[in-house]
Amino acid sequence: MTVSKHEGLKRSSVDGEVQLADLGDVTLAYETFGSDRDPPAVLIMGLATEMLGWPDAFCSDLADRGHALRHGLRYVGLLDALAPA
């Protein structure tokens, strides 16, 4: 797995930064908040809604309490930018 930061996808007003995890045949976008020393609360958005559907204020509150991770779903939102033309 390769992880990289992708400045072009930075769209959050929270302290997180969109990162990409290259898993071979698929690349997933994700963002973490808070201390990575704590176990993360993993936020999984529902069908056809991008990860930014989780309100920034909610993610900030989770970050204040520990660690949170929100990730993108394949072919939804931020990941559309990664699809081959």
Protein backbone atom coordinates (compact mmCIF):
# COMPACT_ATOMS: atom_id res chain seq x y z
CA MET A 1 0.00 0.00 0.00
CA THR A 2 1.32 3.43 -0.94
CA VAL A 3 0.08 6.51 0.91
CA SER A 4 0.50 9.99 -0.48
CA LYS A 5 -0.83 13.47 0.20
CA HIS A 6 -2.85 15.02 -2.57
CA GLU A 7 -2.96 18.80 -2.28
CA GLY A 8 -5.34 19.09 -5.21
CA LEU A 9 -8.05 17.34 -3.22
CA LYS A 10 -7.71 19.38 -0.02
CA ARG A 11 -11.28 20.52 0.60
CA SER A 12 -11.75 20.31 4.34
CA SER A 13 -11.74 23.19 6.80
CA VAL A 14 -10.69 20.87 9.64
CA ASP A 15 -7.03 20.16 10.46
CA GLY A 16 -7.05 17.06 8.27
CA GLU A 17 -5.59 16.78 4.80
CA VAL A 18 -6.88 14.46 2.11
CA GLN A 19 -4.48 11.60 1.55
CA LEU A 20 -4.52 8.81 -1.00
CA ALA A 21 -3.92 5.14 -0.32
CA ASP A 22 -2.90 3.27 -3.47
CA LEU A 23 -3.97 -0.33 -2.99
CA GLY A 24 -2.94 -1.56 -6.42
CA ASP A 25 -6.07 -1.65 -8.55
CA VAL A 26 -7.89 0.98 -6.48
CA THR A 27 -6.94 4.28 -4.88
CA LEU A 28 -8.90 5.45 -1.84
CA ALA A 29 -9.04 8.97 -0.41
CA TYR A 30 -9.11 9.48 3.34
CA GLU A 31 -8.60 12.13 5.98
CA THR A 32 -7.57 11.74 9.62
CA PHE A 33 -8.18 14.09 12.54
CA GLY A 34 -6.76 14.22 16.05
CA SER A 35 -4.05 12.13 17.63
CA ASP A 36 -2.98 9.02 15.74
CA ARG A 37 -1.88 7.57 19.09
CA ASP A 38 -5.55 6.88 19.87
CA PRO A 39 -7.68 4.26 18.13
CA PRO A 40 -9.69 5.96 15.37
CA ALA A 41 -13.44 6.30 15.10
CA VAL A 42 -13.91 5.27 11.46
CA LEU A 43 -16.62 7.27 9.70
CA ILE A 44 -18.26 5.41 6.80
CA MET A 45 -20.62 7.55 4.75
CA GLY A 46 -23.76 6.05 3.27
CA LEU A 47 -24.51 5.17 -0.33
CA ALA A 48 -23.56 7.72 -3.01
CA THR A 49 -22.33 10.39 -0.56
CA GLU A 50 -18.71 11.50 -0.47
CA MET A 51 -16.67 11.49 2.74
CA LEU A 52 -17.06 15.26 3.04
CA GLY A 53 -20.71 14.61 3.89
CA TRP A 54 -19.49 14.21 7.47
CA PRO A 55 -19.71 17.76 8.87
CA ASP A 56 -16.35 19.37 9.63
CA ALA A 57 -17.63 20.46 13.06
CA PHE A 58 -18.44 16.82 13.91
CA CYS A 59 -14.96 15.69 12.78
CA SER A 60 -13.36 18.49 14.83
CA ASP A 61 -15.31 17.39 17.89
CA LEU A 62 -14.13 13.80 17.43
CA ALA A 63 -10.55 15.04 16.96
CA ASP A 64 -10.78 16.94 20.25
CA ARG A 65 -11.75 13.67 21.94
CA GLY A 66 -9.16 11.44 20.27
CA HIS A 67 -8.83 10.30 16.66
CA ALA A 68 -11.18 10.09 13.69
CA LEU A 69 -10.83 8.87 10.11
CA ARG A 70 -13.26 9.53 7.26
CA HIS A 71 -12.71 7.81 3.94
CA GLY A 72 -14.10 7.99 0.46
CA LEU A 73 -16.12 5.35 -1.29
CA ARG A 74 -15.11 4.10 -4.72
CA TYR A 75 -16.50 6.18 -7.59
CA VAL A 76 -18.08 8.78 -5.29
CA GLY A 77 -17.09 12.43 -4.81
CA LEU A 78 -13.35 13.02 -4.47
CA LEU A 79 -12.49 9.71 -6.08
CA ASP A 80 -14.17 10.71 -9.33
CA ALA A 81 -11.20 13.01 -9.87
CA LEU A 82 -8.97 9.93 -9.93
CA ALA A 83 -10.91 8.01 -12.59
CA PRO A 84 -9.05 7.62 -15.90
CA ALA A 85 -10.32 9.89 -18.70
